[in-house]
Amino acid sequence: MNINVCLAGATGWAGSALVRGIYSAPDLKLVSAVSRSQAGKSLGSVVDQIENTPLLSATAAEALLACPDVFVEYTKPDVAKTI
């Protein structure tokens, strides 16, 4: 059984490492991701070596429409308040 994950902050330095970790885990599936600066782009076009990725959402509310099991927020505190 896969755990469906939504990741906020997916295109930052640490967030892109988390993306790679999620993709390499056999029991995790990244179903949505948030990046205000890269919204509308495929996550794979921003994070190298990742294929079959979702489009990046501008807001958490938009990303949560994918119905993830888990929401991981990995942004700066001032950004977290606005997503």
PDB file of N, CA and C in Angstrom:
ATOM      1  N   MET A   1       0.837  -1.184   0.000  1.00  0.00           N
ATOM      2  CA  MET A   1       0.000   0.000   0.000  1.00  0.00           C
ATOM      3  C   MET A   1       0.878   1.242   0.000  1.00  0.00           C
ATOM      4  N   ASN A   2       0.600   2.169  -0.895  1.00  0.00           N
ATOM      5  CA  ASN A   2       1.338   3.420  -0.964  1.00  0.00           C
ATOM      6  C   ASN A   2       0.721   4.475  -0.071  1.00  0.00           C
ATOM      7  N   ILE A   3       1.571   5.326   0.475  1.00  0.00           N
ATOM      8  CA  ILE A   3       1.131   6.507   1.203  1.00  0.00           C
ATOM      9  C   ILE A   3       1.251   7.672   0.233  1.00  0.00           C
ATOM     10  N   ASN A   4       0.139   8.332  -0.041  1.00  0.00           N
ATOM     11  CA  ASN A   4       0.125   9.463  -0.964  1.00  0.00           C
ATOM     12  C   ASN A   4       0.565  10.725  -0.231  1.00  0.00           C
ATOM     13  N   VAL A   5       1.558  11.413  -0.795  1.00  0.00           N
ATOM     14  CA  VAL A   5       2.200  12.546  -0.134  1.00  0.00           C
ATOM     15  C   VAL A   5       2.006  13.824  -0.942  1.00  0.00           C
ATOM     16  N   CYS A   6       1.784  14.917  -0.230  1.00  0.00           N
ATOM     17  CA  CYS A   6       1.825  16.266  -0.793  1.00  0.00           C
ATOM     18  C   CYS A   6       2.979  16.976  -0.094  1.00  0.00           C
ATOM     19  N   LEU A   7       3.844  17.630  -0.858  1.00  0.00           N
ATOM     20  CA  LEU A   7       5.007  18.300  -0.292  1.00  0.00           C
ATOM     21  C   LEU A   7       4.990  19.778  -0.634  1.00  0.00           C
ATOM     22  N   ALA A   8       4.971  20.625   0.383  1.00  0.00           N
ATOM     23  CA  ALA A   8       5.095  22.071   0.198  1.00  0.00           C
ATOM     24  C   ALA A   8       6.563  22.439   0.335  1.00  0.00           C
ATOM     25  N   GLY A   9       7.057  23.233  -0.596  1.00  0.00           N
ATOM     26  CA  GLY A   9       8.465  23.585  -0.608  1.00  0.00           C
ATOM     27  C   GLY A   9       9.280  22.611  -1.428  1.00  0.00           C
ATOM     28  N   ALA A  10       8.661  22.035  -2.424  1.00  0.00           N
ATOM     29  CA  ALA A  10       9.256  20.929  -3.174  1.00  0.00           C
ATOM     30  C   ALA A  10      10.422  21.318  -4.072  1.00  0.00           C
ATOM     31  N   THR A  11      10.581  22.592  -4.397  1.00  0.00           N
ATOM     32  CA  THR A  11      11.630  22.967  -5.344  1.00  0.00           C
ATOM     33  C   THR A  11      12.824  23.635  -4.692  1.00  0.00           C
ATOM     34  N   GLY A  12      12.807  23.781  -3.401  1.00  0.00           N
ATOM     35  CA  GLY A  12      13.960  24.356  -2.711  1.00  0.00           C
ATOM     36  C   GLY A  12      15.085  23.337  -2.575  1.00  0.00           C
ATOM     37  N   TRP A  13      16.180  23.770  -1.981  1.00  0.00           N
ATOM     38  CA  TRP A  13      17.348  22.905  -1.839  1.00  0.00           C
ATOM     39  C   TRP A  13      16.991  21.645  -1.053  1.00  0.00           C
ATOM     40  N   ALA A  14      16.413  21.795   0.119  1.00  0.00           N
ATOM     41  CA  ALA A  14      16.037  20.631   0.928  1.00  0.00           C
ATOM     42  C   ALA A  14      14.805  19.938   0.357  1.00  0.00           C
ATOM     43  N   GLY A  15      13.856  20.718  -0.139  1.00  0.00           N
ATOM     44  CA  GLY A  15      12.641  20.134  -0.690  1.00  0.00           C
ATOM     45  C   GLY A  15      12.902  19.226  -1.870  1.00  0.00           C
ATOM     46  N   SER A  16      13.831  19.614  -2.736  1.00  0.00           N
ATOM     47  CA  SER A  16      14.136  18.760  -3.887  1.00  0.00           C
ATOM     48  C   SER A  16      14.795  17.454  -3.442  1.00  0.00           C
ATOM     49  N   ALA A  17      15.555  17.490  -2.347  1.00  0.00           N
ATOM     50  CA  ALA A  17      16.114  16.245  -1.790  1.00  0.00           C
ATOM     51  C   ALA A  17      15.000  15.372  -1.233  1.00  0.00           C
ATOM     52  N   LEU A  18      14.006  15.996  -0.604  1.00  0.00           N
ATOM     53  CA  LEU A  18      12.856  15.235  -0.111  1.00  0.00           C
ATOM     54  C   LEU A  18      12.085  14.607  -1.270  1.00  0.00           C
ATOM     55  N   VAL A  19      11.934  15.344  -2.355  1.00  0.00           N
ATOM     56  CA  VAL A  19      11.253  14.803  -3.548  1.00  0.00           C
ATOM     57  C   VAL A  19      11.955  13.529  -4.016  1.00  0.00           C
ATOM     58  N   ARG A  20      13.275  13.590  -4.128  1.00  0.00           N
ATOM     59  CA  ARG A  20      14.030  12.414  -4.575  1.00  0.00           C
ATOM     60  C   ARG A  20      13.864  11.249  -3.598  1.00  0.00           C
ATOM     61  N   GLY A  21      13.854  11.548  -2.307  1.00  0.00           N
ATOM     62  CA  GLY A  21      13.654  10.513  -1.296  1.00  0.00           C
ATOM     63  C   GLY A  21      12.281   9.875  -1.397  1.00  0.00           C
ATOM     64  N   ILE A  22      11.265  10.691  -1.606  1.00  0.00           N
ATOM     65  CA  ILE A  22       9.908  10.163  -1.746  1.00  0.00           C
ATOM     66  C   ILE A  22       9.819   9.268  -2.981  1.00  0.00           C
ATOM     67  N   TYR A  23      10.409   9.716  -4.091  1.00  0.00           N
ATOM     68  CA  TYR A  23      10.369   8.913  -5.317  1.00  0.00           C
ATOM     69  C   TYR A  23      11.153   7.617  -5.200  1.00  0.00           C
ATOM     70  N   SER A  24      12.166   7.592  -4.362  1.00  0.00           N
ATOM     71  CA  SER A  24      12.954   6.363  -4.226  1.00  0.00           C
ATOM     72  C   SER A  24      12.366   5.393  -3.211  1.00  0.00           C
ATOM     73  N   ALA A  25      11.413   5.849  -2.405  1.00  0.00           N
ATOM     74  CA  ALA A  25      10.784   4.983  -1.402  1.00  0.00           C
ATOM     75  C   ALA A  25       9.707   4.125  -2.059  1.00  0.00           C
ATOM     76  N   PRO A  26       9.732   2.830  -1.843  1.00  0.00           N
ATOM     77  CA  PRO A  26       8.768   1.949  -2.508  1.00  0.00           C
ATOM     78  C   PRO A  26       7.327   2.102  -2.016  1.00  0.00           C
ATOM     79  N   ASP A  27       7.143   2.679  -0.841  1.00  0.00           N
ATOM     80  CA  ASP A  27       5.795   2.771  -0.279  1.00  0.00           C
ATOM     81  C   ASP A  27       5.245   4.196  -0.248  1.00  0.00           C
ATOM     82  N   LEU A  28       5.930   5.137  -0.912  1.00  0.00           N
ATOM     83  CA  LEU A  28       5.461   6.522  -0.968  1.00  0.00           C
ATOM     84  C   LEU A  28       5.183   6.924  -2.406  1.00  0.00           C
ATOM     85  N   LYS A  29       4.176   7.781  -2.572  1.00  0.00           N
ATOM     86  CA  LYS A  29       3.850   8.309  -3.899  1.00  0.00           C
ATOM     87  C   LYS A  29       3.568   9.800  -3.759  1.00  0.00           C
ATOM     88  N   LEU A  30       4.320  10.612  -4.472  1.00  0.00           N
ATOM     89  CA  LEU A  30       4.105  12.052  -4.452  1.00  0.00           C
ATOM     90  C   LEU A  30       2.948  12.376  -5.393  1.00  0.00           C
ATOM     91  N   VAL A  31       1.823  12.787  -4.829  1.00  0.00           N
ATOM     92  CA  VAL A  31       0.633  13.048  -5.644  1.00  0.00           C
ATOM     93  C   VAL A  31       0.442  14.529  -5.940  1.00  0.00           C
ATOM     94  N   SER A  32       1.088  15.385  -5.152  1.00  0.00           N
ATOM     95  CA  SER A  32       1.011  16.821  -5.402  1.00  0.00           C
ATOM     96  C   SER A  32       2.150  17.519  -4.675  1.00  0.00           C
ATOM     97  N   ALA A  33       2.429  18.739  -5.135  1.00  0.00           N
ATOM     98  CA  ALA A  33       3.519  19.507  -4.549  1.00  0.00           C
ATOM     99  C   ALA A  33       3.221  20.995  -4.683  1.00  0.00           C
ATOM    100  N   VAL A  34       3.777  21.778  -3.765  1.00  0.00           N
ATOM    101  CA  VAL A  34       3.548  23.215  -3.753  1.00  0.00           C
ATOM    102  C   VAL A  34       4.866  23.946  -3.985  1.00  0.00           C
ATOM    103  N   SER A  35       4.829  24.896  -4.902  1.00  0.00           N
ATOM    104  CA  SER A  35       5.939  25.818  -5.121  1.00  0.00           C
ATOM    105  C   SER A  35       5.352  27.081  -5.728  1.00  0.00           C
ATOM    106  N   ARG A  36       5.283  28.129  -4.940  1.00  0.00           N
ATOM    107  CA  ARG A  36       4.683  29.361  -5.456  1.00  0.00           C
ATOM    108  C   ARG A  36       5.459  29.910  -6.646  1.00  0.00           C
ATOM    109  N   SER A  37       6.783  29.821  -6.601  1.00  0.00           N
ATOM    110  CA  SER A  37       7.597  30.406  -7.669  1.00  0.00           C
ATOM    111  C   SER A  37       7.592  29.574  -8.952  1.00  0.00           C
ATOM    112  N   GLN A  38       7.262  28.296  -8.870  1.00  0.00           N
ATOM    113  CA  GLN A  38       7.285  27.407 -10.034  1.00  0.00           C
ATOM    114  C   GLN A  38       5.902  26.839 -10.370  1.00  0.00           C
ATOM    115  N   ALA A  39       4.862  27.405  -9.809  1.00  0.00           N
ATOM    116  CA  ALA A  39       3.499  26.898  -9.997  1.00  0.00           C
ATOM    117  C   ALA A  39       3.148  26.766 -11.474  1.00  0.00           C
ATOM    118  N   GLY A  40       2.479  25.664 -11.797  1.00  0.00           N
ATOM    119  CA  GLY A  40       2.047  25.390 -13.164  1.00  0.00           C
ATOM    120  C   GLY A  40       3.029  24.560 -13.965  1.00  0.00           C
ATOM    121  N   LYS A  41       4.269  24.469 -13.499  1.00  0.00           N
ATOM    122  CA  LYS A  41       5.276  23.656 -14.166  1.00  0.00           C
ATOM    123  C   LYS A  41       5.224  22.229 -13.641  1.00  0.00           C
ATOM    124  N   SER A  42       5.718  21.304 -14.428  1.00  0.00           N
ATOM    125  CA  SER A  42       5.870  19.930 -13.959  1.00  0.00           C
ATOM    126  C   SER A  42       7.013  19.901 -12.950  1.00  0.00           C
ATOM    127  N   LEU A  43       6.830  19.194 -11.856  1.00  0.00           N
ATOM    128  CA  LEU A  43       7.888  19.082 -10.853  1.00  0.00           C
ATOM    129  C   LEU A  43       9.166  18.528 -11.475  1.00  0.00           C
ATOM    130  N   GLY A  44       9.029  17.595 -12.401  1.00  0.00           N
ATOM    131  CA  GLY A  44      10.180  16.994 -13.066  1.00  0.00           C
ATOM    132  C   GLY A  44      10.971  17.976 -13.916  1.00  0.00           C
ATOM    133  N   SER A  45      10.346  19.062 -14.346  1.00  0.00           N
ATOM    134  CA  SER A  45      11.074  20.068 -15.124  1.00  0.00           C
ATOM    135  C   SER A  45      11.915  20.970 -14.226  1.00  0.00           C
ATOM    136  N   VAL A  46      11.655  20.922 -12.942  1.00  0.00           N
ATOM    137  CA  VAL A  46      12.371  21.764 -11.977  1.00  0.00           C
ATOM    138  C   VAL A  46      13.366  20.939 -11.164  1.00  0.00           C
ATOM    139  N   VAL A  47      12.990  19.725 -10.803  1.00  0.00           N
ATOM    140  CA  VAL A  47      13.860  18.830 -10.035  1.00  0.00           C
ATOM    141  C   VAL A  47      14.398  17.768 -10.985  1.00  0.00           C
ATOM    142  N   ASP A  48      15.692  17.791 -11.244  1.00  0.00           N
ATOM    143  CA  ASP A  48      16.320  16.858 -12.177  1.00  0.00           C
ATOM    144  C   ASP A  48      16.167  15.409 -11.726  1.00  0.00           C
ATOM    145  N   GLN A  49      16.186  14.516 -12.693  1.00  0.00           N
ATOM    146  CA  GLN A  49      16.201  13.070 -12.480  1.00  0.00           C
ATOM    147  C   GLN A  49      14.882  12.514 -11.927  1.00  0.00           C
ATOM    148  N   ILE A  50      13.807  13.256 -12.058  1.00  0.00           N
ATOM    149  CA  ILE A  50      12.503  12.799 -11.589  1.00  0.00           C
ATOM    150  C   ILE A  50      11.555  12.789 -12.787  1.00  0.00           C
ATOM    151  N   GLU A  51      10.870  11.670 -13.001  1.00  0.00           N
ATOM    152  CA  GLU A  51       9.933  11.544 -14.112  1.00  0.00           C
ATOM    153  C   GLU A  51       8.521  11.299 -13.589  1.00  0.00           C
ATOM    154  N   ASN A  52       7.547  11.528 -14.458  1.00  0.00           N
ATOM    155  CA  ASN A  52       6.137  11.287 -14.131  1.00  0.00           C
ATOM    156  C   ASN A  52       5.720  12.025 -12.862  1.00  0.00           C
ATOM    157  N   THR A  53       5.900  13.324 -12.879  1.00  0.00           N
ATOM    158  CA  THR A  53       5.627  14.130 -11.699  1.00  0.00           C
ATOM    159  C   THR A  53       4.366  14.959 -11.867  1.00  0.00           C
ATOM    160  N   PRO A  54       3.782  15.357 -10.755  1.00  0.00           N
ATOM    161  CA  PRO A  54       2.593  16.211 -10.834  1.00  0.00           C
ATOM    162  C   PRO A  54       2.979  17.644 -11.192  1.00  0.00           C
ATOM    163  N   LEU A  55       1.989  18.424 -11.598  1.00  0.00           N
ATOM    164  CA  LEU A  55       2.193  19.853 -11.780  1.00  0.00           C
ATOM    165  C   LEU A  55       2.300  20.504 -10.410  1.00  0.00           C
ATOM    166  N   LEU A  56       3.116  21.525 -10.331  1.00  0.00           N
ATOM    167  CA  LEU A  56       3.287  22.242  -9.070  1.00  0.00           C
ATOM    168  C   LEU A  56       2.119  23.186  -8.847  1.00  0.00           C
ATOM    169  N   SER A  57       1.628  23.200  -7.640  1.00  0.00           N
ATOM    170  CA  SER A  57       0.519  24.068  -7.256  1.00  0.00           C
ATOM    171  C   SER A  57       1.058  25.335  -6.602  1.00  0.00           C
ATOM    172  N   ALA A  58       0.286  26.407  -6.688  1.00  0.00           N
ATOM    173  CA  ALA A  58       0.675  27.671  -6.073  1.00  0.00           C
ATOM    174  C   ALA A  58       0.307  27.727  -4.598  1.00  0.00           C
ATOM    175  N   THR A  59      -0.696  26.946  -4.196  1.00  0.00           N
ATOM    176  CA  THR A  59      -1.164  26.989  -2.809  1.00  0.00           C
ATOM    177  C   THR A  59      -1.381  25.583  -2.256  1.00  0.00           C
ATOM    178  N   ALA A  60      -1.372  25.497  -0.951  1.00  0.00           N
ATOM    179  CA  ALA A  60      -1.642  24.216  -0.298  1.00  0.00           C
ATOM    180  C   ALA A  60      -3.069  23.767  -0.590  1.00  0.00           C
ATOM    181  N   ALA A  61      -4.002  24.705  -0.589  1.00  0.00           N
ATOM    182  CA  ALA A  61      -5.398  24.348  -0.849  1.00  0.00           C
ATOM    183  C   ALA A  61      -5.540  23.680  -2.214  1.00  0.00           C
ATOM    184  N   GLU A  62      -4.857  24.219  -3.199  1.00  0.00           N
ATOM    185  CA  GLU A  62      -4.895  23.636  -4.544  1.00  0.00           C
ATOM    186  C   GLU A  62      -4.261  22.244  -4.558  1.00  0.00           C
ATOM    187  N   ALA A  63      -3.117  22.090  -3.905  1.00  0.00           N
ATOM    188  CA  ALA A  63      -2.417  20.805  -3.874  1.00  0.00           C
ATOM    189  C   ALA A  63      -3.199  19.742  -3.114  1.00  0.00           C
ATOM    190  N   LEU A  64      -3.929  20.151  -2.107  1.00  0.00           N
ATOM    191  CA  LEU A  64      -4.693  19.196  -1.300  1.00  0.00           C
ATOM    192  C   LEU A  64      -5.885  18.613  -2.058  1.00  0.00           C
ATOM    193  N   LEU A  65      -6.231  19.177  -3.191  1.00  0.00           N
ATOM    194  CA  LEU A  65      -7.302  18.605  -4.019  1.00  0.00           C
ATOM    195  C   LEU A  65      -6.936  17.215  -4.529  1.00  0.00           C
ATOM    196  N   ALA A  66      -5.644  16.871  -4.497  1.00  0.00           N
ATOM    197  CA  ALA A  66      -5.187  15.541  -4.913  1.00  0.00           C
ATOM    198  C   ALA A  66      -5.454  14.491  -3.839  1.00  0.00           C
ATOM    199  N   CYS A  67      -5.994  14.898  -2.705  1.00  0.00           N
ATOM    200  CA  CYS A  67      -6.356  14.000  -1.604  1.00  0.00           C
ATOM    201  C   CYS A  67      -5.178  13.162  -1.084  1.00  0.00           C
ATOM    202  N   PRO A  68      -4.085  13.819  -0.683  1.00  0.00           N
ATOM    203  CA  PRO A  68      -2.963  13.064  -0.126  1.00  0.00           C
ATOM    204  C   PRO A  68      -3.314  12.494   1.239  1.00  0.00           C
ATOM    205  N   ASP A  69      -2.579  11.472   1.637  1.00  0.00           N
ATOM    206  CA  ASP A  69      -2.714  10.929   2.989  1.00  0.00           C
ATOM    207  C   ASP A  69      -1.922  11.773   3.987  1.00  0.00           C
ATOM    208  N   VAL A  70      -0.831  12.377   3.489  1.00  0.00           N
ATOM    209  CA  VAL A  70       0.091  13.135   4.331  1.00  0.00           C
ATOM    210  C   VAL A  70       0.440  14.446   3.637  1.00  0.00           C
ATOM    211  N   PHE A  71       0.473  15.529   4.398  1.00  0.00           N
ATOM    212  CA  PHE A  71       0.928  16.824   3.905  1.00  0.00           C
ATOM    213  C   PHE A  71       2.214  17.164   4.643  1.00  0.00           C
ATOM    214  N   VAL A  72       3.309  17.327   3.900  1.00  0.00           N
ATOM    215  CA  VAL A  72       4.601  17.669   4.488  1.00  0.00           C
ATOM    216  C   VAL A  72       4.911  19.104   4.106  1.00  0.00           C
ATOM    217  N   GLU A  73       5.095  19.940   5.104  1.00  0.00           N
ATOM    218  CA  GLU A  73       5.372  21.351   4.866  1.00  0.00           C
ATOM    219  C   GLU A  73       6.848  21.583   5.164  1.00  0.00           C
ATOM    220  N   TYR A  74       7.618  21.949   4.149  1.00  0.00           N
ATOM    221  CA  TYR A  74       9.051  22.164   4.309  1.00  0.00           C
ATOM    222  C   TYR A  74       9.434  23.485   3.659  1.00  0.00           C
ATOM    223  N   THR A  75       8.916  24.557   4.255  1.00  0.00           N
ATOM    224  CA  THR A  75       9.207  25.900   3.767  1.00  0.00           C
ATOM    225  C   THR A  75       9.720  26.734   4.934  1.00  0.00           C
ATOM    226  N   LYS A  76       9.907  28.003   4.689  1.00  0.00           N
ATOM    227  CA  LYS A  76      10.301  28.935   5.743  1.00  0.00           C
ATOM    228  C   LYS A  76       9.067  29.308   6.563  1.00  0.00           C
ATOM    229  N   PRO A  77       9.245  29.636   7.839  1.00  0.00           N
ATOM    230  CA  PRO A  77       8.087  29.970   8.688  1.00  0.00           C
ATOM    231  C   PRO A  77       7.205  31.070   8.123  1.00  0.00           C
ATOM    232  N   ASP A  78       7.781  32.102   7.530  1.00  0.00           N
ATOM    233  CA  ASP A  78       6.956  33.187   6.994  1.00  0.00           C
ATOM    234  C   ASP A  78       6.184  32.748   5.757  1.00  0.00           C
ATOM    235  N   VAL A  79       6.722  31.794   5.021  1.00  0.00           N
ATOM    236  CA  VAL A  79       6.024  31.262   3.853  1.00  0.00           C
ATOM    237  C   VAL A  79       4.911  30.312   4.292  1.00  0.00           C
ATOM    238  N   ALA A  80       5.179  29.499   5.299  1.00  0.00           N
ATOM    239  CA  ALA A  80       4.203  28.509   5.773  1.00  0.00           C
ATOM    240  C   ALA A  80       2.891  29.174   6.176  1.00  0.00           C
ATOM    241  N   LYS A  81       2.953  30.367   6.699  1.00  0.00           N
ATOM    242  CA  LYS A  81       1.741  31.074   7.119  1.00  0.00           C
ATOM    243  C   LYS A  81       0.873  31.460   5.937  1.00  0.00           C
ATOM    244  N   THR A  82       1.460  31.568   4.757  1.00  0.00           N
ATOM    245  CA  THR A  82       0.707  32.053   3.597  1.00  0.00           C
ATOM    246  C   THR A  82       0.277  30.951   2.638  1.00  0.00           C
ATOM    247  N   ILE A  83       0.782  29.731   2.799  1.00  0.00           N
ATOM    248  CA  ILE A  83       0.407  28.711   1.837  1.00  0.00           C
ATOM    249  C   ILE A  83      -0.831  28.007   2.320  1.00  0.00           C
TER     250      ILE A  83
END
